[in-house]
Amino acid sequence: MKLKKVLTSVIGFAAVLTLGACGGGDSSSSDDGSDNNVQELTFWGSWSGDQVGQLNELIGKYNKSQDKYKVTYKVQDNVEEKLLTGMAGGEIPDVILWDRFNTAMYANKNALLDLNDLIEKDKINLNDFYEETVKEMKVDDKQYGIPLLVDNRSLFYNKKMLTDAGVEAPTTWDELLNVAEKTTIRENGKLKQAGFSLDDVGLFNMWIQQAGGSMLTEDGTATAFNFDAGKSVLSFWNELLNDKKVYELGFNSGSDAFAAGKVAMVYNGPWALSDYDKVDGLDYGIVSPVAGPNGDKGAVTGGFGLVIPKLAKKQDGAWDFIKWWTTQPENGVEFAKISNWLPANKTAASDSFFEDEKYKAFIDTMEFAKVRPTVTGYSDVESLALIPQLENYIADKTTADKALEDAQKQGDKILKDEAGN
């Protein structure tokens, strides 16, 4: 009798050990204690604050849509640099919310997975996405990501201010100048209401397209802004600031002058919609960026895509999540409702939800918006060479010719140095 009890105890203990060993790996347990074999996927991104809740709302829908994977979002500052650190022996995520503009640089660092085979296997049609956004995530015919979200700067205008001035939303440079002048109000020589906000010289790359020019030469080896198109942009800025005096640097500094009802027109992106909609009494409209002197249209689109690190361990799960979000239009529309971001999927962008006048301008602008050049070193050309000179120009610290000449010299050197590396 005693021997029988001992054997029963040993058998029972072995069974417990066996059951305990079966639940390892990537599986997780449900609330009732059963093993559901769900793989945990780590999703990195730089979005923080309120945006975390926006992402988690959509992630929750994905997690509920299937029972194989569970995605968890993790905020990472400097996500691109953290990926490189992880490649050297640290943590590697399964999927990343990726600024498309960084794709070429990090593909060349061998950090991202080439998705061509997966795209071909699952017959993903890249023509379903805005062409420029697809191009921004492709390097040497290899597709390193799927476009997810797009943006652009379109022209916000205060309806009451324009109505009071007896003018309509502009469509050309000449009309912009006229509307800005008529909506500018000064009292005792002091600017009370600005007609147009000209405080973001970083939008030069949009203005030069409208002037019929480009930032770089066609082969991308040299700058192209120190020619007639670039000079006409600065000449027009001079008309706005110094001839018609529709704006002053630092006007209503420290706050959003458009939201405060102190500026009639401003270029801004779809991310501003939720904040502006909360402002009592702010009745605004949005139109596409105005055309230049010869009718040229110009806009710049940025935004995010989804990529898989080359060393990610759960690439199948990451790809499943990417396909779910990017190729199913209803998910793109749903996230737009949550976040105000525009989908890169053109079928999603054609949904009736975007027929609202505030979204329509951004969608219309996407038809001609271009991505920034993907040439290595281009970001430094803008940030280190050009923008400081433009800031000096509008602050009246240098001339237009000198600003563009100095920016050209430094910018061409940056491009030459990068090409030699």
Protein backbone atom coordinates (compact mmCIF):
# COMPACT_ATOMS: atom_id res chain seq x y z
CA MET A 1 0.00 0.00 0.00
CA LYS A 2 2.78 2.43 0.84
CA LEU A 3 4.69 1.53 -2.39
CA LYS A 4 1.57 2.23 -4.48
CA LYS A 5 1.18 5.69 -2.91
CA VAL A 6 4.85 6.52 -3.61
CA LEU A 7 4.58 5.50 -7.28
CA THR A 8 1.39 7.53 -7.69
CA SER A 9 3.12 10.59 -6.23
CA VAL A 10 6.16 10.21 -8.51
CA ILE A 11 3.99 9.81 -11.61
CA GLY A 12 1.95 12.87 -10.64
CA PHE A 13 5.06 14.98 -10.07
CA ALA A 14 6.50 13.95 -13.46
CA ALA A 15 3.26 14.92 -15.13
CA VAL A 16 3.44 18.37 -13.60
CA LEU A 17 7.01 18.79 -14.86
CA THR A 18 5.98 17.66 -18.35
CA LEU A 19 3.06 20.06 -18.50
CA GLY A 20 5.24 22.91 -17.26
CA ALA A 21 7.80 22.29 -20.01
CA CYS A 22 5.20 22.42 -22.77
CA GLY A 23 4.44 26.11 -22.38
CA GLY A 24 7.79 27.69 -23.34
CA GLY A 25 8.80 29.78 -26.37
CA ASP A 26 6.64 32.62 -27.64
CA SER A 27 3.28 31.37 -26.45
CA SER A 28 1.27 33.08 -23.75
CA SER A 29 -1.52 31.96 -21.48
CA SER A 30 -5.08 33.18 -21.53
CA ASP A 31 -6.95 34.33 -18.43
CA ASP A 32 -8.35 30.85 -17.78
CA GLY A 33 -4.84 29.38 -17.67
CA SER A 34 -4.97 27.59 -21.03
CA ASP A 35 -2.10 27.77 -23.51
CA ASN A 36 -3.14 29.63 -26.66
CA ASN A 37 0.25 29.66 -28.50
CA VAL A 38 0.09 33.36 -29.36
CA GLN A 39 3.37 34.84 -30.57
CA GLU A 40 4.30 38.15 -28.97
CA LEU A 41 5.42 40.79 -31.49
CA THR A 42 7.29 43.93 -30.46
CA PHE A 43 6.40 47.09 -32.40
CA TRP A 44 8.75 50.07 -32.12
CA GLY A 45 8.06 53.67 -33.00
CA SER A 46 8.89 57.22 -31.99
CA TRP A 47 5.26 58.24 -31.47
CA SER A 48 4.55 59.16 -27.86
CA GLY A 49 1.98 60.98 -25.73
CA ASP A 50 -1.57 60.92 -27.10
CA GLN A 51 -0.32 59.13 -30.20
CA VAL A 52 0.38 56.00 -28.17
CA GLY A 53 -3.32 55.66 -27.45
CA GLN A 54 -4.10 56.11 -31.15
CA LEU A 55 -1.71 53.33 -32.11
CA ASN A 56 -2.90 51.03 -29.35
CA GLU A 57 -6.51 51.42 -30.45
CA LEU A 58 -5.70 50.09 -33.91
CA ILE A 59 -3.26 47.48 -32.60
CA GLY A 60 -6.05 46.21 -30.37
CA LYS A 61 -8.22 45.68 -33.44
CA TYR A 62 -5.48 43.66 -35.09
CA ASN A 63 -4.91 41.54 -31.99
CA LYS A 64 -8.63 40.73 -31.86
CA SER A 65 -8.80 40.00 -35.59
CA GLN A 66 -6.72 36.82 -35.33
CA ASP A 67 -5.41 34.44 -32.67
CA LYS A 68 -1.85 33.83 -33.83
CA TYR A 69 -0.04 37.06 -32.93
CA LYS A 70 -0.20 39.75 -30.30
CA VAL A 71 1.45 43.10 -31.08
CA THR A 72 2.71 45.36 -28.29
CA TYR A 73 3.84 48.91 -29.01
CA LYS A 74 6.98 50.27 -27.38
CA VAL A 75 8.05 53.93 -27.59
CA GLN A 76 11.64 54.44 -28.70
CA ASP A 77 13.36 57.82 -28.99
CA ASN A 78 15.77 57.87 -31.95
CA VAL A 79 14.30 54.62 -33.15
CA GLU A 80 16.70 54.34 -36.09
CA GLU A 81 19.79 54.63 -33.90
CA LYS A 82 18.29 52.17 -31.39
CA LEU A 83 17.91 49.69 -34.23
CA LEU A 84 21.61 49.95 -35.06
CA THR A 85 22.47 49.48 -31.40
CA GLY A 86 20.25 46.42 -31.28
CA MET A 87 22.00 44.94 -34.30
CA ALA A 88 25.23 45.04 -32.33
CA GLY A 89 23.81 42.73 -29.70
CA GLY A 90 20.84 44.42 -28.07
CA GLU A 91 17.08 44.24 -28.46
CA ILE A 92 15.62 43.93 -31.95
CA PRO A 93 11.90 44.62 -32.54
CA ASP A 94 9.76 42.68 -35.00
CA VAL A 95 8.29 45.66 -36.84
CA ILE A 96 8.90 49.43 -36.81
CA LEU A 97 6.79 52.51 -37.52
CA TRP A 98 9.34 54.10 -39.83
CA ASP A 99 9.91 57.62 -41.17
CA ARG A 100 10.07 56.79 -44.87
CA PHE A 101 12.72 59.44 -45.49
CA ASN A 102 15.27 57.36 -43.53
CA THR A 103 14.84 54.22 -45.63
CA ALA A 104 17.73 54.68 -48.06
CA MET A 105 20.24 55.47 -45.32
CA TYR A 106 19.42 52.46 -43.17
CA ALA A 107 18.93 50.06 -46.06
CA ASN A 108 22.53 50.89 -46.98
CA LYS A 109 23.50 50.03 -43.40
CA ASN A 110 22.00 46.55 -43.96
CA ALA A 111 19.48 47.17 -41.17
CA LEU A 112 16.21 46.48 -43.00
CA LEU A 113 14.69 43.36 -44.53
CA ASP A 114 14.19 43.30 -48.30
CA LEU A 115 10.47 42.60 -48.74
CA ASN A 116 10.51 41.74 -52.45
CA ASP A 117 10.01 37.99 -51.97
CA LEU A 118 7.17 38.50 -49.50
CA ILE A 119 5.49 41.04 -51.78
CA GLU A 120 5.72 38.66 -54.72
CA LYS A 121 4.56 35.62 -52.74
CA ASP A 122 1.45 37.39 -51.44
CA LYS A 123 0.84 39.30 -54.69
CA ILE A 124 0.87 42.72 -53.00
CA ASN A 125 0.12 45.38 -55.60
CA LEU A 126 2.34 48.38 -54.88
CA ASN A 127 0.29 50.40 -57.37
CA ASP A 128 -2.36 50.53 -54.64
CA PHE A 129 -0.17 53.10 -52.86
CA TYR A 130 0.88 56.62 -53.79
CA GLU A 131 3.77 56.19 -56.22
CA GLU A 132 6.04 58.70 -54.49
CA THR A 133 5.70 56.93 -51.14
CA VAL A 134 6.58 53.55 -52.64
CA LYS A 135 9.61 55.10 -54.33
CA GLU A 136 10.79 56.54 -51.02
CA MET A 137 11.00 53.05 -49.49
CA LYS A 138 12.80 51.45 -52.44
CA VAL A 139 16.57 51.25 -52.88
CA ASP A 140 18.22 49.59 -55.89
CA ASP A 141 14.92 47.91 -56.88
CA LYS A 142 14.52 46.41 -53.41
CA GLN A 143 11.41 47.35 -51.45
CA TYR A 144 12.29 47.81 -47.79
CA GLY A 145 8.92 48.89 -46.46
CA ILE A 146 5.24 49.37 -47.20
CA PRO A 147 3.89 52.95 -47.06
CA LEU A 148 1.39 53.49 -44.29
CA LEU A 149 0.64 57.18 -43.63
CA VAL A 150 1.09 60.33 -45.70
CA ASP A 151 0.97 64.06 -45.05
CA ASN A 152 1.53 67.34 -46.83
CA ARG A 153 1.25 71.04 -46.10
CA SER A 154 -1.90 72.65 -47.45
CA LEU A 155 -3.19 76.20 -46.95
CA PHE A 156 -5.38 76.82 -43.89
CA TYR A 157 -7.42 80.02 -43.97
CA ASN A 158 -9.67 81.80 -41.50
CA LYS A 159 -13.07 82.05 -43.20
CA LYS A 160 -14.28 85.07 -41.24
CA MET A 161 -11.14 87.08 -41.86
CA LEU A 162 -11.32 86.48 -45.61
CA THR A 163 -15.04 87.23 -45.74
CA ASP A 164 -14.59 90.45 -43.78
CA ALA A 165 -11.88 91.49 -46.26
CA GLY A 166 -14.07 90.62 -49.25
CA VAL A 167 -11.69 88.02 -50.67
CA GLU A 168 -11.68 84.28 -51.34
CA ALA A 169 -9.11 81.58 -50.70
CA PRO A 170 -6.15 82.03 -53.09
CA THR A 171 -5.01 79.60 -55.76
CA THR A 172 -1.89 81.42 -57.08
CA TRP A 173 1.05 83.42 -55.74
CA ASP A 174 -0.50 86.66 -56.97
CA GLU A 175 -3.79 85.87 -55.27
CA LEU A 176 -1.98 84.87 -52.06
CA LEU A 177 -0.21 88.23 -52.03
CA ASN A 178 -3.47 90.08 -52.58
CA VAL A 179 -5.44 88.15 -49.95
CA ALA A 180 -2.59 88.42 -47.43
CA GLU A 181 -2.40 92.19 -47.94
CA LYS A 182 -6.15 92.69 -47.56
CA THR A 183 -6.39 90.57 -44.42
CA THR A 184 -3.47 92.28 -42.68
CA ILE A 185 -4.49 94.78 -40.00
CA ARG A 186 -2.22 97.30 -38.32
CA GLU A 187 -3.11 99.73 -35.57
CA ASN A 188 -0.85 102.70 -34.92
CA GLY A 189 1.80 101.05 -37.05
CA LYS A 190 1.71 97.83 -34.99
CA LEU A 191 0.77 94.52 -36.55
CA LYS A 192 -2.51 93.32 -35.04
CA GLN A 193 -3.57 90.70 -37.59
CA ALA A 194 -1.15 89.07 -40.06
CA GLY A 195 -2.36 88.10 -43.50
CA PHE A 196 -0.04 85.13 -43.94
CA SER A 197 2.41 83.33 -41.67
CA LEU A 198 5.88 83.11 -43.18
CA ASP A 199 7.79 81.61 -40.28
CA ASP A 200 8.74 78.21 -41.72
CA VAL A 201 11.59 78.59 -44.20
CA GLY A 202 11.86 74.80 -44.23
CA LEU A 203 9.00 74.84 -46.73
CA PHE A 204 11.34 76.30 -49.35
CA ASN A 205 11.40 72.88 -51.02
CA MET A 206 7.65 73.28 -51.68
CA TRP A 207 7.90 76.88 -52.88
CA ILE A 208 10.69 76.09 -55.37
CA GLN A 209 8.51 73.44 -57.03
CA GLN A 210 5.79 76.08 -57.42
CA ALA A 211 8.42 78.31 -59.06
CA GLY A 212 9.20 75.55 -61.57
CA GLY A 213 12.49 74.50 -59.99
CA SER A 214 13.94 71.71 -57.88
CA MET A 215 16.27 71.30 -54.95
CA LEU A 216 18.84 69.11 -56.70
CA THR A 217 20.00 68.47 -60.24
CA GLU A 218 18.34 65.56 -62.02
CA ASP A 219 21.22 63.20 -61.24
CA GLY A 220 21.25 64.29 -57.59
CA THR A 221 24.93 65.20 -57.56
CA ALA A 222 24.57 68.95 -56.99
CA THR A 223 22.17 71.54 -55.63
CA ALA A 224 19.82 73.35 -58.01
CA PHE A 225 18.26 76.05 -55.85
CA ASN A 226 20.64 78.88 -56.72
CA PHE A 227 18.99 79.54 -60.07
CA ASP A 228 16.03 81.58 -61.30
CA ALA A 229 13.40 79.47 -59.50
CA GLY A 230 15.08 79.74 -56.11
CA LYS A 231 15.69 83.44 -56.57
CA SER A 232 12.03 84.02 -57.48
CA VAL A 233 10.96 82.34 -54.22
CA LEU A 234 13.07 84.72 -52.14
CA SER A 235 11.86 87.66 -54.22
CA PHE A 236 8.26 86.70 -53.46
CA TRP A 237 9.04 86.28 -49.76
CA ASN A 238 10.49 89.77 -49.84
CA GLU A 239 7.23 91.11 -51.28
CA LEU A 240 5.26 89.46 -48.50
CA LEU A 241 7.53 90.53 -45.65
CA ASN A 242 8.94 93.88 -46.68
CA ASP A 243 6.79 95.36 -49.45
CA LYS A 244 3.29 94.38 -48.32
CA LYS A 245 4.34 93.74 -44.70
CA VAL A 246 1.79 90.98 -44.18
CA TYR A 247 3.87 89.32 -41.44
CA GLU A 248 6.65 90.01 -38.97
CA LEU A 249 9.11 87.51 -37.60
CA GLY A 250 8.24 86.57 -34.03
CA PHE A 251 4.63 87.75 -34.38
CA ASN A 252 2.67 86.19 -31.51
CA SER A 253 5.81 84.21 -30.68
CA GLY A 254 5.39 81.17 -28.46
CA SER A 255 1.88 80.23 -29.55
CA ASP A 256 -0.04 79.19 -32.65
CA ALA A 257 -1.05 82.52 -34.17
CA PHE A 258 -3.61 80.89 -36.48
CA ALA A 259 -5.35 79.14 -33.58
CA ALA A 260 -5.26 82.41 -31.65
CA GLY A 261 -7.09 84.19 -34.48
CA LYS A 262 -4.16 86.48 -35.30
CA VAL A 263 -3.18 85.08 -38.70
CA ALA A 264 -5.47 84.75 -41.71
CA MET A 265 -3.53 82.06 -43.62
CA VAL A 266 -0.87 79.48 -42.81
CA TYR A 267 0.58 76.30 -44.32
CA ASN A 268 0.05 73.32 -42.02
CA GLY A 269 -0.53 69.58 -42.08
CA PRO A 270 -3.40 67.21 -41.22
CA TRP A 271 -1.97 66.73 -37.73
CA ALA A 272 -3.26 70.24 -36.90
CA LEU A 273 -6.91 69.35 -37.51
CA SER A 274 -7.68 67.92 -34.08
CA ASP A 275 -6.17 70.92 -32.27
CA TYR A 276 -7.85 73.52 -34.47
CA ASP A 277 -11.21 71.79 -34.14
CA LYS A 278 -11.01 72.28 -30.38
CA VAL A 279 -10.64 76.07 -30.64
CA ASP A 280 -13.92 77.83 -29.91
CA GLY A 281 -15.00 80.15 -32.69
CA LEU A 282 -12.27 79.14 -35.15
CA ASP A 283 -14.02 78.62 -38.49
CA TYR A 284 -11.44 77.60 -41.04
CA GLY A 285 -11.11 76.09 -44.48
CA ILE A 286 -8.25 74.37 -46.31
CA VAL A 287 -7.16 74.51 -49.94
CA SER A 288 -4.25 72.94 -51.80
CA PRO A 289 -0.97 74.88 -51.97
CA VAL A 290 -1.13 77.79 -54.38
CA ALA A 291 0.42 77.56 -57.85
CA GLY A 292 3.46 79.57 -58.87
CA PRO A 293 3.83 82.32 -61.50
CA ASN A 294 3.67 79.90 -64.45
CA GLY A 295 0.99 77.63 -62.99
CA ASP A 296 3.40 75.08 -61.51
CA LYS A 297 2.06 73.14 -58.55
CA GLY A 298 4.27 72.08 -55.71
CA ALA A 299 3.98 70.21 -52.42
CA VAL A 300 6.11 67.88 -50.34
CA THR A 301 4.78 64.70 -48.79
CA GLY A 302 6.30 62.97 -45.81
CA GLY A 303 4.99 60.30 -43.51
CA PHE A 304 5.53 56.80 -42.25
CA GLY A 305 5.75 53.22 -43.44
CA LEU A 306 6.21 49.86 -41.78
CA VAL A 307 9.51 47.99 -41.98
CA ILE A 308 10.94 44.74 -40.63
CA PRO A 309 14.47 44.75 -39.20
CA LYS A 310 16.74 42.36 -41.07
CA LEU A 311 17.57 40.53 -37.82
CA ALA A 312 13.97 40.34 -36.56
CA LYS A 313 13.16 36.85 -35.25
CA LYS A 314 9.41 36.87 -35.97
CA GLN A 315 9.34 38.11 -39.53
CA ASP A 316 6.25 36.11 -40.47
CA GLY A 317 4.22 37.77 -37.74
CA ALA A 318 5.58 41.21 -38.58
CA TRP A 319 4.61 40.73 -42.23
CA ASP A 320 1.11 39.59 -41.26
CA PHE A 321 0.63 42.77 -39.22
CA ILE A 322 1.98 44.96 -42.04
CA LYS A 323 -0.35 43.39 -44.60
CA TRP A 324 -3.36 43.76 -42.30
CA TRP A 325 -2.80 47.48 -41.75
CA THR A 326 -1.57 48.59 -45.16
CA THR A 327 -3.43 46.46 -47.71
CA GLN A 328 -6.90 46.43 -46.15
CA PRO A 329 -8.33 49.88 -46.94
CA GLU A 330 -10.85 49.79 -44.13
CA ASN A 331 -8.01 49.71 -41.59
CA GLY A 332 -6.42 52.78 -43.16
CA VAL A 333 -9.70 54.65 -42.96
CA GLU A 334 -10.22 53.54 -39.37
CA PHE A 335 -6.84 54.87 -38.31
CA ALA A 336 -7.52 58.18 -40.05
CA LYS A 337 -10.66 58.53 -37.94
CA ILE A 338 -8.59 57.84 -34.84
CA SER A 339 -5.55 59.99 -35.63
CA ASN A 340 -6.32 62.42 -38.54
CA TRP A 341 -3.39 60.95 -40.49
CA LEU A 342 -4.01 60.17 -44.16
CA PRO A 343 -3.57 56.63 -45.49
CA ALA A 344 -0.94 55.89 -48.13
CA ASN A 345 -3.27 53.29 -49.61
CA LYS A 346 -5.08 55.08 -52.46
CA THR A 347 -8.26 53.00 -52.14
CA ALA A 348 -8.47 53.97 -48.48
CA ALA A 349 -7.81 57.62 -49.38
CA SER A 350 -10.73 57.55 -51.84
CA ASP A 351 -13.18 56.60 -49.10
CA SER A 352 -16.14 58.94 -48.63
CA PHE A 353 -14.77 59.88 -45.20
CA PHE A 354 -12.19 62.07 -46.94
CA GLU A 355 -14.77 64.01 -48.95
CA ASP A 356 -15.08 66.36 -45.98
CA GLU A 357 -13.74 69.76 -47.09
CA LYS A 358 -10.94 69.70 -44.52
CA TYR A 359 -9.55 66.39 -45.70
CA LYS A 360 -10.26 66.91 -49.38
CA ALA A 361 -7.52 69.52 -49.84
CA PHE A 362 -4.87 67.17 -48.46
CA ILE A 363 -6.09 64.28 -50.62
CA ASP A 364 -6.13 66.51 -53.72
CA THR A 365 -2.61 67.74 -52.92
CA MET A 366 -1.32 64.15 -52.80
CA GLU A 367 -1.92 63.93 -56.54
CA PHE A 368 1.09 66.19 -57.18
CA ALA A 369 3.04 66.11 -53.91
CA LYS A 370 6.61 64.80 -54.15
CA VAL A 371 8.87 63.19 -51.58
CA ARG A 372 12.17 64.75 -50.64
CA PRO A 373 15.22 63.56 -52.62
CA THR A 374 16.53 60.26 -51.29
CA VAL A 375 20.15 61.09 -52.16
CA THR A 376 22.49 60.41 -49.24
CA GLY A 377 23.36 63.69 -47.55
CA TYR A 378 20.29 65.56 -48.76
CA SER A 379 18.92 66.09 -45.25
CA ASP A 380 22.18 67.82 -44.31
CA VAL A 381 21.95 70.00 -47.40
CA GLU A 382 18.63 71.31 -46.13
CA SER A 383 19.33 71.48 -42.40
CA LEU A 384 22.98 72.55 -42.37
CA ALA A 385 23.48 74.46 -45.62
CA LEU A 386 20.21 75.97 -46.81
CA ILE A 387 17.87 76.62 -43.88
CA PRO A 388 20.37 78.66 -41.81
CA GLN A 389 20.98 80.90 -44.82
CA LEU A 390 17.25 81.32 -45.45
CA GLU A 391 16.75 82.27 -41.81
CA ASN A 392 19.47 84.89 -42.17
CA TYR A 393 17.79 86.21 -45.30
CA ILE A 394 14.32 86.72 -43.86
CA ALA A 395 15.92 88.24 -40.75
CA ASP A 396 17.56 90.77 -43.10
CA LYS A 397 21.07 89.62 -42.17
CA THR A 398 22.11 88.79 -45.73
CA THR A 399 20.98 89.29 -49.30
CA ALA A 400 19.05 86.76 -51.37
CA ASP A 401 21.96 86.23 -53.76
CA LYS A 402 24.48 85.75 -50.95
CA ALA A 403 22.18 83.38 -49.02
CA LEU A 404 21.66 81.10 -52.01
CA GLU A 405 25.30 81.29 -53.09
CA ASP A 406 26.62 80.35 -49.66
CA ALA A 407 24.05 77.57 -49.31
CA GLN A 408 24.98 76.24 -52.73
CA LYS A 409 28.68 76.07 -51.92
CA GLN A 410 28.14 74.25 -48.65
CA GLY A 411 25.42 72.01 -50.06
CA ASP A 412 27.47 70.94 -53.06
CA LYS A 413 30.39 70.11 -50.75
CA ILE A 414 28.12 67.93 -48.58
CA LEU A 415 26.87 66.00 -51.62
CA LYS A 416 30.40 65.59 -53.00
CA ASP A 417 31.74 64.36 -49.66
CA GLU A 418 28.90 61.84 -49.30
CA ALA A 419 29.43 60.56 -52.84
CA GLY A 420 33.10 59.96 -52.02
CA ASN A 421 32.35 57.84 -48.96
